[in-house]
């Protein structure tokens, strides 16, 4: 989880640099990361007994 957050922050910062310091891109990257981390995952099912 920590690596995903750090990757989002680094990617957003790298993309925001050439745009003249606008903070929209890093905020969107952080929001996307938060959405991905909070998304529910399907429950694993046990294999059927033979």
C-alpha atoms as a PDB file:
ATOM      1  CA  UNK A   1       0.000   0.000   0.000  1.00  0.00           C
ATOM      2  CA  UNK A   2       2.811   2.379   0.849  1.00  0.00           C
ATOM      3  CA  UNK A   3       4.515   1.701  -2.481  1.00  0.00           C
ATOM      4  CA  UNK A   4       1.313   2.428  -4.406  1.00  0.00           C
ATOM      5  CA  UNK A   5       0.879   5.745  -2.620  1.00  0.00           C
ATOM      6  CA  UNK A   6       4.499   6.722  -3.166  1.00  0.00           C
ATOM      7  CA  UNK A   7       4.292   5.753  -6.834  1.00  0.00           C
ATOM      8  CA  UNK A   8       1.176   7.906  -7.262  1.00  0.00           C
ATOM      9  CA  UNK A   9       2.818  10.866  -5.556  1.00  0.00           C
ATOM     10  CA  UNK A  10       6.010  10.509  -7.603  1.00  0.00           C
ATOM     11  CA  UNK A  11       4.117  10.118 -10.875  1.00  0.00           C
ATOM     12  CA  UNK A  12       1.862  13.068 -10.168  1.00  0.00           C
ATOM     13  CA  UNK A  13       4.788  15.259  -9.195  1.00  0.00           C
ATOM     14  CA  UNK A  14       6.762  14.274 -12.297  1.00  0.00           C
ATOM     15  CA  UNK A  15       3.830  15.074 -14.560  1.00  0.00           C
ATOM     16  CA  UNK A  16       3.011  18.340 -12.796  1.00  0.00           C
ATOM     17  CA  UNK A  17       6.526  19.768 -13.168  1.00  0.00           C
ATOM     18  CA  UNK A  18       6.315  20.545 -16.893  1.00  0.00           C
ATOM     19  CA  UNK A  19       2.862  22.056 -16.437  1.00  0.00           C
ATOM     20  CA  UNK A  20       4.215  25.018 -14.493  1.00  0.00           C
ATOM     21  CA  UNK A  21       3.382  23.886 -10.997  1.00  0.00           C
ATOM     22  CA  UNK A  22      -0.334  23.234 -11.378  1.00  0.00           C
ATOM     23  CA  UNK A  23      -1.523  20.948  -8.621  1.00  0.00           C
ATOM     24  CA  UNK A  24      -4.449  19.417 -10.495  1.00  0.00           C
ATOM     25  CA  UNK A  25      -2.487  16.450 -11.799  1.00  0.00           C
ATOM     26  CA  UNK A  26      -0.975  15.355  -8.463  1.00  0.00           C
ATOM     27  CA  UNK A  27      -4.373  15.712  -6.800  1.00  0.00           C
ATOM     28  CA  UNK A  28      -5.989  13.560  -9.485  1.00  0.00           C
ATOM     29  CA  UNK A  29      -3.230  10.957  -9.150  1.00  0.00           C
ATOM     30  CA  UNK A  30      -3.708  10.852  -5.378  1.00  0.00           C
ATOM     31  CA  UNK A  31      -7.488  10.555  -5.767  1.00  0.00           C
ATOM     32  CA  UNK A  32      -7.106   7.729  -8.274  1.00  0.00           C
ATOM     33  CA  UNK A  33      -4.719   5.928  -5.952  1.00  0.00           C
ATOM     34  CA  UNK A  34      -7.153   6.315  -3.045  1.00  0.00           C
ATOM     35  CA  UNK A  35      -9.998   4.958  -5.166  1.00  0.00           C
ATOM     36  CA  UNK A  36      -7.960   1.969  -6.271  1.00  0.00           C
ATOM     37  CA  UNK A  37      -6.902   1.179  -2.715  1.00  0.00           C
ATOM     38  CA  UNK A  38     -10.436   1.464  -1.367  1.00  0.00           C
ATOM     39  CA  UNK A  39     -12.069  -0.631  -4.104  1.00  0.00           C
ATOM     40  CA  UNK A  40     -13.582  -3.861  -2.791  1.00  0.00           C
ATOM     41  CA  UNK A  41     -11.948  -7.061  -3.902  1.00  0.00           C
ATOM     42  CA  UNK A  42     -13.928 -10.187  -4.760  1.00  0.00           C
ATOM     43  CA  UNK A  43     -13.990 -12.794  -2.018  1.00  0.00           C
ATOM     44  CA  UNK A  44     -11.995 -15.941  -2.662  1.00  0.00           C
ATOM     45  CA  UNK A  45     -14.136 -19.043  -2.832  1.00  0.00           C
ATOM     46  CA  UNK A  46     -13.114 -22.401  -1.453  1.00  0.00           C
ATOM     47  CA  UNK A  47     -12.726 -25.220  -3.949  1.00  0.00           C
ATOM     48  CA  UNK A  48     -15.653 -27.629  -4.140  1.00  0.00           C
ATOM     49  CA  UNK A  49     -15.311 -30.818  -2.141  1.00  0.00           C
ATOM     50  CA  UNK A  50     -15.060 -33.940  -4.287  1.00  0.00           C
END
